Amino acid sequence: MIFKNRRNEFEIIQQLLSLSLNGTKKTRLMYQTNMCYSQFNEYLHCLLEKKFLEPRNGNPHGTLYFTTEKGMKLLDSVNNTLLLAM
């Protein structure tokens, strides 16, 4: 059986930050990034702790996670790094 190339950490972070630009719920973010719960929580905790993502509770449907200004700068850097690696 042939396996697809696995994503590296840059690609996972890029995906998490880009999907959160307009705000998204935790479950949707986990499903869209195709990660298991434990792996997703590790990345989410790290991005929240470093202030690259922020939770906002004003939505009647639950907490939404948004990419911060700091997160947008990181996203630009990651995008540039991935372009150079191609």
PDB file of N, CA and C in Angstrom:
ATOM      1  N   MET A   1       0.841  -1.183   0.000  1.00  0.00           N
ATOM      2  CA  MET A   1       0.000   0.000   0.000  1.00  0.00           C
ATOM      3  C   MET A   1       0.884   1.243   0.000  1.00  0.00           C
ATOM      4  N   ILE A   2       0.550   2.194  -0.828  1.00  0.00           N
ATOM      5  CA  ILE A   2       1.322   3.430  -0.920  1.00  0.00           C
ATOM      6  C   ILE A   2       0.631   4.500  -0.074  1.00  0.00           C
ATOM      7  N   PHE A   3       1.419   5.147   0.788  1.00  0.00           N
ATOM      8  CA  PHE A   3       0.882   6.195   1.648  1.00  0.00           C
ATOM      9  C   PHE A   3       1.223   7.561   1.079  1.00  0.00           C
ATOM     10  N   LYS A   4       0.321   8.499   1.260  1.00  0.00           N
ATOM     11  CA  LYS A   4       0.606   9.880   0.877  1.00  0.00           C
ATOM     12  C   LYS A   4       1.691  10.425   1.793  1.00  0.00           C
ATOM     13  N   ASN A   5       2.378  11.424   1.308  1.00  0.00           N
ATOM     14  CA  ASN A   5       3.352  12.090   2.176  1.00  0.00           C
ATOM     15  C   ASN A   5       2.627  12.702   3.359  1.00  0.00           C
ATOM     16  N   ARG A   6       3.215  12.552   4.498  1.00  0.00           N
ATOM     17  CA  ARG A   6       2.617  13.132   5.702  1.00  0.00           C
ATOM     18  C   ARG A   6       2.932  14.622   5.756  1.00  0.00           C
ATOM     19  N   ARG A   7       2.034  15.351   6.387  1.00  0.00           N
ATOM     20  CA  ARG A   7       2.259  16.791   6.545  1.00  0.00           C
ATOM     21  C   ARG A   7       3.319  17.021   7.603  1.00  0.00           C
ATOM     22  N   ASN A   8       4.095  18.073   7.401  1.00  0.00           N
ATOM     23  CA  ASN A   8       5.039  18.447   8.447  1.00  0.00           C
ATOM     24  C   ASN A   8       4.371  19.474   9.359  1.00  0.00           C
ATOM     25  N   GLU A   9       5.061  19.873  10.403  1.00  0.00           N
ATOM     26  CA  GLU A   9       4.476  20.806  11.377  1.00  0.00           C
ATOM     27  C   GLU A   9       4.128  22.148  10.747  1.00  0.00           C
ATOM     28  N   PHE A  10       4.951  22.609   9.808  1.00  0.00           N
ATOM     29  CA  PHE A  10       4.652  23.876   9.132  1.00  0.00           C
ATOM     30  C   PHE A  10       3.316  23.805   8.406  1.00  0.00           C
ATOM     31  N   GLU A  11       3.075  22.710   7.719  1.00  0.00           N
ATOM     32  CA  GLU A  11       1.837  22.565   6.960  1.00  0.00           C
ATOM     33  C   GLU A  11       0.620  22.478   7.879  1.00  0.00           C
ATOM     34  N   ILE A  12       0.764  21.813   9.004  1.00  0.00           N
ATOM     35  CA  ILE A  12      -0.343  21.710   9.960  1.00  0.00           C
ATOM     36  C   ILE A  12      -0.650  23.080  10.553  1.00  0.00           C
ATOM     37  N   ILE A  13       0.384  23.803  10.957  1.00  0.00           N
ATOM     38  CA  ILE A  13       0.191  25.143  11.525  1.00  0.00           C
ATOM     39  C   ILE A  13      -0.404  26.076  10.482  1.00  0.00           C
ATOM     40  N   GLN A  14       0.079  25.991   9.251  1.00  0.00           N
ATOM     41  CA  GLN A  14      -0.463  26.809   8.167  1.00  0.00           C
ATOM     42  C   GLN A  14      -1.956  26.551   8.001  1.00  0.00           C
ATOM     43  N   GLN A  15      -2.328  25.306   8.008  1.00  0.00           N
ATOM     44  CA  GLN A  15      -3.726  24.942   7.834  1.00  0.00           C
ATOM     45  C   GLN A  15      -4.584  25.440   8.997  1.00  0.00           C
ATOM     46  N   LEU A  16      -4.122  25.262  10.219  1.00  0.00           N
ATOM     47  CA  LEU A  16      -4.880  25.716  11.390  1.00  0.00           C
ATOM     48  C   LEU A  16      -5.076  27.231  11.375  1.00  0.00           C
ATOM     49  N   LEU A  17      -4.013  27.967  11.075  1.00  0.00           N
ATOM     50  CA  LEU A  17      -4.099  29.426  11.081  1.00  0.00           C
ATOM     51  C   LEU A  17      -4.954  29.951   9.930  1.00  0.00           C
ATOM     52  N   SER A  18      -4.812  29.369   8.757  1.00  0.00           N
ATOM     53  CA  SER A  18      -5.584  29.861   7.614  1.00  0.00           C
ATOM     54  C   SER A  18      -7.073  29.542   7.759  1.00  0.00           C
ATOM     55  N   LEU A  19      -7.404  28.400   8.323  1.00  0.00           N
ATOM     56  CA  LEU A  19      -8.813  28.055   8.528  1.00  0.00           C
ATOM     57  C   LEU A  19      -9.467  28.913   9.610  1.00  0.00           C
ATOM     58  N   SER A  20      -8.655  29.510  10.472  1.00  0.00           N
ATOM     59  CA  SER A  20      -9.183  30.315  11.578  1.00  0.00           C
ATOM     60  C   SER A  20      -9.225  31.804  11.270  1.00  0.00           C
ATOM     61  N   LEU A  21      -8.863  32.205  10.070  1.00  0.00           N
ATOM     62  CA  LEU A  21      -8.827  33.631   9.735  1.00  0.00           C
ATOM     63  C   LEU A  21     -10.176  34.309   9.962  1.00  0.00           C
ATOM     64  N   ASN A  22     -11.262  33.659   9.581  1.00  0.00           N
ATOM     65  CA  ASN A  22     -12.595  34.242   9.735  1.00  0.00           C
ATOM     66  C   ASN A  22     -13.357  33.667  10.921  1.00  0.00           C
ATOM     67  N   GLY A  23     -12.676  32.903  11.737  1.00  0.00           N
ATOM     68  CA  GLY A  23     -13.303  32.306  12.910  1.00  0.00           C
ATOM     69  C   GLY A  23     -13.913  30.956  12.589  1.00  0.00           C
ATOM     70  N   THR A  24     -13.659  29.999  13.437  1.00  0.00           N
ATOM     71  CA  THR A  24     -14.228  28.664  13.255  1.00  0.00           C
ATOM     72  C   THR A  24     -14.333  27.962  14.602  1.00  0.00           C
ATOM     73  N   LYS A  25     -15.269  27.037  14.675  1.00  0.00           N
ATOM     74  CA  LYS A  25     -15.447  26.275  15.903  1.00  0.00           C
ATOM     75  C   LYS A  25     -14.377  25.200  16.004  1.00  0.00           C
ATOM     76  N   LYS A  26     -14.119  24.790  17.228  1.00  0.00           N
ATOM     77  CA  LYS A  26     -13.062  23.819  17.519  1.00  0.00           C
ATOM     78  C   LYS A  26     -13.273  22.503  16.763  1.00  0.00           C
ATOM     79  N   THR A  27     -14.482  21.985  16.792  1.00  0.00           N
ATOM     80  CA  THR A  27     -14.762  20.705  16.142  1.00  0.00           C
ATOM     81  C   THR A  27     -14.569  20.792  14.635  1.00  0.00           C
ATOM     82  N   ARG A  28     -15.059  21.846  14.036  1.00  0.00           N
ATOM     83  CA  ARG A  28     -14.912  22.024  12.588  1.00  0.00           C
ATOM     84  C   ARG A  28     -13.436  22.137  12.219  1.00  0.00           C
ATOM     85  N   LEU A  29     -12.689  22.873  13.020  1.00  0.00           N
ATOM     86  CA  LEU A  29     -11.255  23.037  12.781  1.00  0.00           C
ATOM     87  C   LEU A  29     -10.549  21.681  12.852  1.00  0.00           C
ATOM     88  N   MET A  30     -10.910  20.876  13.822  1.00  0.00           N
ATOM     89  CA  MET A  30     -10.300  19.554  13.965  1.00  0.00           C
ATOM     90  C   MET A  30     -10.632  18.675  12.756  1.00  0.00           C
ATOM     91  N   TYR A  31     -11.882  18.683  12.322  1.00  0.00           N
ATOM     92  CA  TYR A  31     -12.278  17.862  11.176  1.00  0.00           C
ATOM     93  C   TYR A  31     -11.625  18.346   9.884  1.00  0.00           C
ATOM     94  N   GLN A  32     -11.570  19.664   9.685  1.00  0.00           N
ATOM     95  CA  GLN A  32     -11.001  20.194   8.448  1.00  0.00           C
ATOM     96  C   GLN A  32      -9.498  19.958   8.346  1.00  0.00           C
ATOM     97  N   THR A  33      -8.839  19.846   9.482  1.00  0.00           N
ATOM     98  CA  THR A  33      -7.402  19.573   9.459  1.00  0.00           C
ATOM     99  C   THR A  33      -7.113  18.076   9.500  1.00  0.00           C
ATOM    100  N   ASN A  34      -8.164  17.270   9.634  1.00  0.00           N
ATOM    101  CA  ASN A  34      -8.047  15.813   9.605  1.00  0.00           C
ATOM    102  C   ASN A  34      -7.035  15.293  10.631  1.00  0.00           C
ATOM    103  N   MET A  35      -7.199  15.745  11.875  1.00  0.00           N
ATOM    104  CA  MET A  35      -6.324  15.296  12.960  1.00  0.00           C
ATOM    105  C   MET A  35      -7.146  14.582  14.021  1.00  0.00           C
ATOM    106  N   CYS A  36      -6.495  13.691  14.734  1.00  0.00           N
ATOM    107  CA  CYS A  36      -7.159  13.050  15.862  1.00  0.00           C
ATOM    108  C   CYS A  36      -7.250  14.073  17.006  1.00  0.00           C
ATOM    109  N   TYR A  37      -8.118  13.779  17.953  1.00  0.00           N
ATOM    110  CA  TYR A  37      -8.400  14.705  19.045  1.00  0.00           C
ATOM    111  C   TYR A  37      -7.152  15.079  19.839  1.00  0.00           C
ATOM    112  N   SER A  38      -6.345  14.103  20.199  1.00  0.00           N
ATOM    113  CA  SER A  38      -5.175  14.390  21.042  1.00  0.00           C
ATOM    114  C   SER A  38      -4.140  15.239  20.309  1.00  0.00           C
ATOM    115  N   GLN A  39      -3.878  14.922  19.055  1.00  0.00           N
ATOM    116  CA  GLN A  39      -2.913  15.707  18.279  1.00  0.00           C
ATOM    117  C   GLN A  39      -3.437  17.130  18.070  1.00  0.00           C
ATOM    118  N   PHE A  40      -4.720  17.239  17.735  1.00  0.00           N
ATOM    119  CA  PHE A  40      -5.319  18.549  17.527  1.00  0.00           C
ATOM    120  C   PHE A  40      -5.209  19.405  18.784  1.00  0.00           C
ATOM    121  N   ASN A  41      -5.511  18.829  19.939  1.00  0.00           N
ATOM    122  CA  ASN A  41      -5.448  19.588  21.189  1.00  0.00           C
ATOM    123  C   ASN A  41      -4.041  20.073  21.506  1.00  0.00           C
ATOM    124  N   GLU A  42      -3.025  19.293  21.160  1.00  0.00           N
ATOM    125  CA  GLU A  42      -1.640  19.734  21.369  1.00  0.00           C
ATOM    126  C   GLU A  42      -1.342  20.981  20.545  1.00  0.00           C
ATOM    127  N   TYR A  43      -1.711  20.952  19.274  1.00  0.00           N
ATOM    128  CA  TYR A  43      -1.475  22.103  18.401  1.00  0.00           C
ATOM    129  C   TYR A  43      -2.307  23.304  18.851  1.00  0.00           C
ATOM    130  N   LEU A  44      -3.576  23.069  19.165  1.00  0.00           N
ATOM    131  CA  LEU A  44      -4.449  24.163  19.581  1.00  0.00           C
ATOM    132  C   LEU A  44      -3.923  24.816  20.855  1.00  0.00           C
ATOM    133  N   HIS A  45      -3.553  24.005  21.832  1.00  0.00           N
ATOM    134  CA  HIS A  45      -3.029  24.532  23.092  1.00  0.00           C
ATOM    135  C   HIS A  45      -1.783  25.385  22.844  1.00  0.00           C
ATOM    136  N   CYS A  46      -0.889  24.902  22.013  1.00  0.00           N
ATOM    137  CA  CYS A  46       0.346  25.628  21.709  1.00  0.00           C
ATOM    138  C   CYS A  46       0.040  26.956  21.018  1.00  0.00           C
ATOM    139  N   LEU A  47      -0.839  26.944  20.021  1.00  0.00           N
ATOM    140  CA  LEU A  47      -1.170  28.170  19.288  1.00  0.00           C
ATOM    141  C   LEU A  47      -1.903  29.176  20.172  1.00  0.00           C
ATOM    142  N   LEU A  48      -2.728  28.698  21.091  1.00  0.00           N
ATOM    143  CA  LEU A  48      -3.411  29.592  22.030  1.00  0.00           C
ATOM    144  C   LEU A  48      -2.423  30.169  23.043  1.00  0.00           C
ATOM    145  N   GLU A  49      -1.547  29.320  23.550  1.00  0.00           N
ATOM    146  CA  GLU A  49      -0.567  29.745  24.548  1.00  0.00           C
ATOM    147  C   GLU A  49       0.382  30.810  23.988  1.00  0.00           C
ATOM    148  N   LYS A  50       0.751  30.655  22.720  1.00  0.00           N
ATOM    149  CA  LYS A  50       1.677  31.596  22.072  1.00  0.00           C
ATOM    150  C   LYS A  50       0.953  32.803  21.483  1.00  0.00           C
ATOM    151  N   LYS A  51      -0.374  32.854  21.647  1.00  0.00           N
ATOM    152  CA  LYS A  51      -1.214  33.968  21.190  1.00  0.00           C
ATOM    153  C   LYS A  51      -1.283  34.087  19.666  1.00  0.00           C
ATOM    154  N   PHE A  52      -1.195  32.941  18.968  1.00  0.00           N
ATOM    155  CA  PHE A  52      -1.379  32.933  17.521  1.00  0.00           C
ATOM    156  C   PHE A  52      -2.853  32.743  17.174  1.00  0.00           C
ATOM    157  N   LEU A  53      -3.601  32.143  18.083  1.00  0.00           N
ATOM    158  CA  LEU A  53      -5.051  31.995  17.979  1.00  0.00           C
ATOM    159  C   LEU A  53      -5.679  32.552  19.244  1.00  0.00           C
ATOM    160  N   GLU A  54      -6.929  33.019  19.107  1.00  0.00           N
ATOM    161  CA  GLU A  54      -7.651  33.482  20.291  1.00  0.00           C
ATOM    162  C   GLU A  54      -9.095  32.995  20.230  1.00  0.00           C
ATOM    163  N   PRO A  55      -9.630  32.579  21.379  1.00  0.00           N
ATOM    164  CA  PRO A  55     -11.035  32.183  21.425  1.00  0.00           C
ATOM    165  C   PRO A  55     -11.914  33.410  21.659  1.00  0.00           C
ATOM    166  N   ARG A  56     -13.063  33.421  21.014  1.00  0.00           N
ATOM    167  CA  ARG A  56     -14.050  34.485  21.241  1.00  0.00           C
ATOM    168  C   ARG A  56     -15.382  33.821  21.543  1.00  0.00           C
ATOM    169  N   ASN A  57     -16.003  34.270  22.627  1.00  0.00           N
ATOM    170  CA  ASN A  57     -17.217  33.619  23.125  1.00  0.00           C
ATOM    171  C   ASN A  57     -18.512  34.303  22.736  1.00  0.00           C
ATOM    172  N   GLY A  58     -18.499  35.354  21.940  1.00  0.00           N
ATOM    173  CA  GLY A  58     -19.703  36.120  21.643  1.00  0.00           C
ATOM    174  C   GLY A  58     -20.697  35.443  20.717  1.00  0.00           C
ATOM    175  N   ASN A  59     -20.355  34.335  20.124  1.00  0.00           N
ATOM    176  CA  ASN A  59     -21.218  33.654  19.169  1.00  0.00           C
ATOM    177  C   ASN A  59     -22.254  32.805  19.908  1.00  0.00           C
ATOM    178  N   PRO A  60     -23.530  32.870  19.496  1.00  0.00           N
ATOM    179  CA  PRO A  60     -24.550  32.049  20.163  1.00  0.00           C
ATOM    180  C   PRO A  60     -24.357  30.547  19.936  1.00  0.00           C
ATOM    181  N   HIS A  61     -23.558  30.170  18.944  1.00  0.00           N
ATOM    182  CA  HIS A  61     -23.327  28.753  18.644  1.00  0.00           C
ATOM    183  C   HIS A  61     -22.113  28.190  19.361  1.00  0.00           C
ATOM    184  N   GLY A  62     -21.447  28.994  20.169  1.00  0.00           N
ATOM    185  CA  GLY A  62     -20.285  28.511  20.906  1.00  0.00           C
ATOM    186  C   GLY A  62     -19.046  29.348  20.635  1.00  0.00           C
ATOM    187  N   THR A  63     -17.943  28.901  21.160  1.00  0.00           N
ATOM    188  CA  THR A  63     -16.677  29.606  21.033  1.00  0.00           C
ATOM    189  C   THR A  63     -16.119  29.451  19.627  1.00  0.00           C
ATOM    190  N   LEU A  64     -15.696  30.575  19.056  1.00  0.00           N
ATOM    191  CA  LEU A  64     -15.015  30.564  17.764  1.00  0.00           C
ATOM    192  C   LEU A  64     -13.549  30.889  17.991  1.00  0.00           C
ATOM    193  N   TYR A  65     -12.691  30.297  17.184  1.00  0.00           N
ATOM    194  CA  TYR A  65     -11.254  30.537  17.275  1.00  0.00           C
ATOM    195  C   TYR A  65     -10.818  31.359  16.073  1.00  0.00           C
ATOM    196  N   PHE A  66     -10.106  32.451  16.358  1.00  0.00           N
ATOM    197  CA  PHE A  66      -9.651  33.380  15.325  1.00  0.00           C
ATOM    198  C   PHE A  66      -8.133  33.485  15.329  1.00  0.00           C
ATOM    199  N   THR A  67      -7.565  33.675  14.142  1.00  0.00           N
ATOM    200  CA  THR A  67      -6.139  33.943  14.008  1.00  0.00           C
ATOM    201  C   THR A  67      -5.892  35.382  14.441  1.00  0.00           C
ATOM    202  N   THR A  68      -4.925  35.597  15.308  1.00  0.00           N
ATOM    203  CA  THR A  68      -4.586  36.941  15.786  1.00  0.00           C
ATOM    204  C   THR A  68      -3.649  37.622  14.788  1.00  0.00           C
ATOM    205  N   GLU A  69      -3.347  38.900  15.034  1.00  0.00           N
ATOM    206  CA  GLU A  69      -2.370  39.621  14.205  1.00  0.00           C
ATOM    207  C   GLU A  69      -1.028  38.898  14.234  1.00  0.00           C
ATOM    208  N   LYS A  70      -0.632  38.474  15.413  1.00  0.00           N
ATOM    209  CA  LYS A  70       0.619  37.726  15.567  1.00  0.00           C
ATOM    210  C   LYS A  70       0.551  36.423  14.768  1.00  0.00           C
ATOM    211  N   GLY A  71      -0.601  35.787  14.784  1.00  0.00           N
ATOM    212  CA  GLY A  71      -0.803  34.560  14.023  1.00  0.00           C
ATOM    213  C   GLY A  71      -0.749  34.794  12.522  1.00  0.00           C
ATOM    214  N   MET A  72      -1.253  35.953  12.077  1.00  0.00           N
ATOM    215  CA  MET A  72      -1.205  36.285  10.650  1.00  0.00           C
ATOM    216  C   MET A  72       0.236  36.490  10.185  1.00  0.00           C
ATOM    217  N   LYS A  73       1.053  37.082  11.047  1.00  0.00           N
ATOM    218  CA  LYS A  73       2.473  37.247  10.709  1.00  0.00           C
ATOM    219  C   LYS A  73       3.154  35.888  10.615  1.00  0.00           C
ATOM    220  N   LEU A  74       2.821  35.000  11.550  1.00  0.00           N
ATOM    221  CA  LEU A  74       3.380  33.648  11.503  1.00  0.00           C
ATOM    222  C   LEU A  74       2.912  32.927  10.244  1.00  0.00           C
ATOM    223  N   LEU A  75       1.647  33.077   9.897  1.00  0.00           N
ATOM    224  CA  LEU A  75       1.101  32.442   8.700  1.00  0.00           C
ATOM    225  C   LEU A  75       1.845  32.912   7.452  1.00  0.00           C
ATOM    226  N   ASP A  76       2.115  34.210   7.353  1.00  0.00           N
ATOM    227  CA  ASP A  76       2.892  34.735   6.220  1.00  0.00           C
ATOM    228  C   ASP A  76       4.283  34.115   6.179  1.00  0.00           C
ATOM    229  N   SER A  77       4.917  34.019   7.330  1.00  0.00           N
ATOM    230  CA  SER A  77       6.260  33.425   7.397  1.00  0.00           C
ATOM    231  C   SER A  77       6.241  31.952   7.000  1.00  0.00           C
ATOM    232  N   VAL A  78       5.248  31.232   7.487  1.00  0.00           N
ATOM    233  CA  VAL A  78       5.135  29.808   7.157  1.00  0.00           C
ATOM    234  C   VAL A  78       4.866  29.634   5.662  1.00  0.00           C
ATOM    235  N   ASN A  79       3.980  30.461   5.111  1.00  0.00           N
ATOM    236  CA  ASN A  79       3.697  30.390   3.672  1.00  0.00           C
ATOM    237  C   ASN A  79       4.965  30.625   2.859  1.00  0.00           C
ATOM    238  N   ASN A  80       5.744  31.629   3.245  1.00  0.00           N
ATOM    239  CA  ASN A  80       6.997  31.916   2.538  1.00  0.00           C
ATOM    240  C   ASN A  80       7.981  30.762   2.661  1.00  0.00           C
ATOM    241  N   THR A  81       8.068  30.185   3.840  1.00  0.00           N
ATOM    242  CA  THR A  81       8.970  29.048   4.058  1.00  0.00           C
ATOM    243  C   THR A  81       8.564  27.857   3.201  1.00  0.00           C
ATOM    244  N   LEU A  82       7.274  27.584   3.148  1.00  0.00           N
ATOM    245  CA  LEU A  82       6.801  26.450   2.351  1.00  0.00           C
ATOM    246  C   LEU A  82       7.005  26.690   0.859  1.00  0.00           C
ATOM    247  N   LEU A  83       6.871  27.943   0.416  1.00  0.00           N
ATOM    248  CA  LEU A  83       7.128  28.260  -0.993  1.00  0.00           C
ATOM    249  C   LEU A  83       8.589  28.027  -1.347  1.00  0.00           C
ATOM    250  N   LEU A  84       9.477  28.397  -0.443  1.00  0.00           N
ATOM    251  CA  LEU A  84      10.908  28.201  -0.688  1.00  0.00           C
ATOM    252  C   LEU A  84      11.275  26.723  -0.718  1.00  0.00           C
ATOM    253  N   ALA A  85      10.547  25.920   0.029  1.00  0.00           N
ATOM    254  CA  ALA A  85      10.847  24.492   0.114  1.00  0.00           C
ATOM    255  C   ALA A  85      10.382  23.720  -1.119  1.00  0.00           C
ATOM    256  N   MET A  86       9.542  24.325  -1.929  1.00  0.00           N
ATOM    257  CA  MET A  86       9.005  23.627  -3.112  1.00  0.00           C
ATOM    258  C   MET A  86      10.029  23.513  -4.208  1.00  0.00           C
TER     259      MET A  86
END
